[in-house]
Amino acid sequence: MLPIPDYRLPITVFLDMPEPKFRKLHRKLAPIVFVPLALTAITGIIYSIADEWLHVEGEKTNLLLAIHTGALPGLEKVYALLNGLGLIALIVTGLSMTSLFRRRPKREAEGD
């Protein structure tokens, strides 16, 4: 008999890694990714409030926007990419630690 092909999503194949490895990776990655993600979120919120509600313009909002988009010297080309990849990595390692992707044993039908 031919084996049945495994049509699971590629991410679930990746998530079959042992949980302790993902936990260690998540623990090492989270402090590194936290600072740029927090800066992006905080400066985005402050910029929106200052621009739309308080109607602040000029150098102050330009600085906030520069920090938010990573338009600082040496970071222009990689900031958004690293921010996005870091967030995706944290989501994947975080989801792997939940029970969402674990295989459950099949229950046998009762009454047989």
Protein backbone atom coordinates (compact mmCIF):
# COMPACT_ATOMS: atom_id res chain seq x y z
CA MET A 1 0.00 0.00 0.00
CA LEU A 2 1.27 3.50 -0.87
CA PRO A 3 1.93 5.94 1.95
CA ILE A 4 -0.58 8.75 2.35
CA PRO A 5 1.04 12.10 1.56
CA ASP A 6 1.21 14.66 4.32
CA TYR A 7 -0.67 17.78 3.14
CA ARG A 8 -0.13 19.85 6.27
CA LEU A 9 0.80 23.48 5.96
CA PRO A 10 4.57 24.08 5.86
CA ILE A 11 4.45 26.00 9.13
CA THR A 12 2.97 23.02 10.97
CA VAL A 13 5.80 20.84 9.70
CA PHE A 14 8.22 23.47 11.05
CA LEU A 15 6.35 23.56 14.36
CA ASP A 16 6.94 19.85 14.90
CA MET A 17 10.29 20.83 16.41
CA PRO A 18 10.64 19.88 20.06
CA GLU A 19 9.09 22.53 22.29
CA PRO A 20 12.17 23.16 24.48
CA LYS A 21 14.15 24.34 21.43
CA PHE A 22 11.43 26.82 20.50
CA ARG A 23 11.17 27.98 24.09
CA LYS A 24 14.93 28.66 24.23
CA LEU A 25 14.85 30.45 20.87
CA HIS A 26 11.86 32.54 21.95
CA ARG A 27 13.57 33.42 25.24
CA LYS A 28 16.73 34.59 23.44
CA LEU A 29 14.92 36.40 20.64
CA ALA A 30 12.27 38.29 22.65
CA PRO A 31 14.55 40.80 24.43
CA ILE A 32 16.34 41.61 21.17
CA VAL A 33 13.16 42.14 19.16
CA PHE A 34 11.29 43.95 21.95
CA VAL A 35 13.16 47.26 21.74
CA PRO A 36 12.63 47.97 18.02
CA LEU A 37 9.01 46.76 18.13
CA ALA A 38 8.26 48.88 21.18
CA LEU A 39 9.90 51.93 19.59
CA THR A 40 7.90 51.43 16.41
CA ALA A 41 4.61 51.05 18.29
CA ILE A 42 5.17 53.91 20.74
CA THR A 43 6.43 56.40 18.16
CA GLY A 44 3.59 55.46 15.81
CA ILE A 45 0.99 56.10 18.48
CA ILE A 46 2.58 59.37 19.61
CA TYR A 47 2.97 60.56 16.02
CA SER A 48 -0.68 59.84 15.25
CA ILE A 49 -1.89 61.69 18.34
CA ALA A 50 0.45 64.65 17.78
CA ASP A 51 -0.34 64.98 14.09
CA GLU A 52 -4.07 64.31 13.96
CA TRP A 53 -5.36 65.41 17.35
CA LEU A 54 -2.91 68.05 18.55
CA HIS A 55 -1.93 69.31 15.06
CA VAL A 56 1.75 69.50 16.00
CA GLU A 57 3.94 69.92 12.95
CA GLY A 58 7.57 70.46 12.16
CA GLU A 59 10.75 69.06 13.59
CA LYS A 60 9.13 67.21 16.50
CA THR A 61 6.85 65.08 14.34
CA ASN A 62 9.60 64.54 11.77
CA LEU A 63 11.84 63.05 14.45
CA LEU A 64 9.03 60.76 15.63
CA LEU A 65 8.38 59.64 12.06
CA ALA A 66 12.09 59.04 11.47
CA ILE A 67 12.32 56.80 14.54
CA HIS A 68 9.07 55.05 13.62
CA THR A 69 10.16 54.18 10.09
CA GLY A 70 13.80 53.53 10.93
CA ALA A 71 14.98 56.41 8.76
CA LEU A 72 18.03 56.93 10.95
CA PRO A 73 21.62 56.73 9.66
CA GLY A 74 22.61 53.12 9.02
CA LEU A 75 19.13 51.67 9.58
CA GLU A 76 17.15 52.84 6.56
CA LYS A 77 17.39 49.64 4.56
CA VAL A 78 17.17 46.96 7.24
CA TYR A 79 15.01 48.34 10.06
CA ALA A 80 11.61 47.42 8.67
CA LEU A 81 12.84 44.06 7.39
CA LEU A 82 14.40 43.05 10.70
CA ASN A 83 11.38 44.33 12.61
CA GLY A 84 9.05 42.23 10.47
CA LEU A 85 11.21 39.09 10.53
CA GLY A 86 11.66 39.39 14.29
CA LEU A 87 7.92 39.70 14.82
CA ILE A 88 7.21 36.70 12.59
CA ALA A 89 9.84 34.65 14.44
CA LEU A 90 8.29 35.56 17.80
CA ILE A 91 4.82 34.66 16.54
CA VAL A 92 5.98 31.27 15.22
CA THR A 93 7.95 30.37 18.35
CA GLY A 94 5.14 31.65 20.58
CA LEU A 95 2.48 29.68 18.74
CA SER A 96 4.62 26.56 18.88
CA MET A 97 4.48 26.70 22.65
CA THR A 98 0.68 26.67 22.66
CA SER A 99 -1.34 23.55 22.10
CA LEU A 100 -2.81 24.82 18.82
CA PHE A 101 -0.56 22.71 16.60
CA ARG A 102 -0.11 19.60 18.72
CA ARG A 103 -1.44 16.37 17.41
CA ARG A 104 -4.16 14.90 19.52
CA PRO A 105 -4.49 11.15 19.78
CA LYS A 106 -7.45 9.76 17.90
CA ARG A 107 -10.20 8.50 20.13
CA GLU A 108 -11.58 5.13 19.36
CA ALA A 109 -15.30 4.99 18.80
CA GLU A 110 -17.11 3.94 21.93
CA GLY A 111 -19.37 0.95 21.71
CA ASP A 112 -17.11 -1.10 19.41
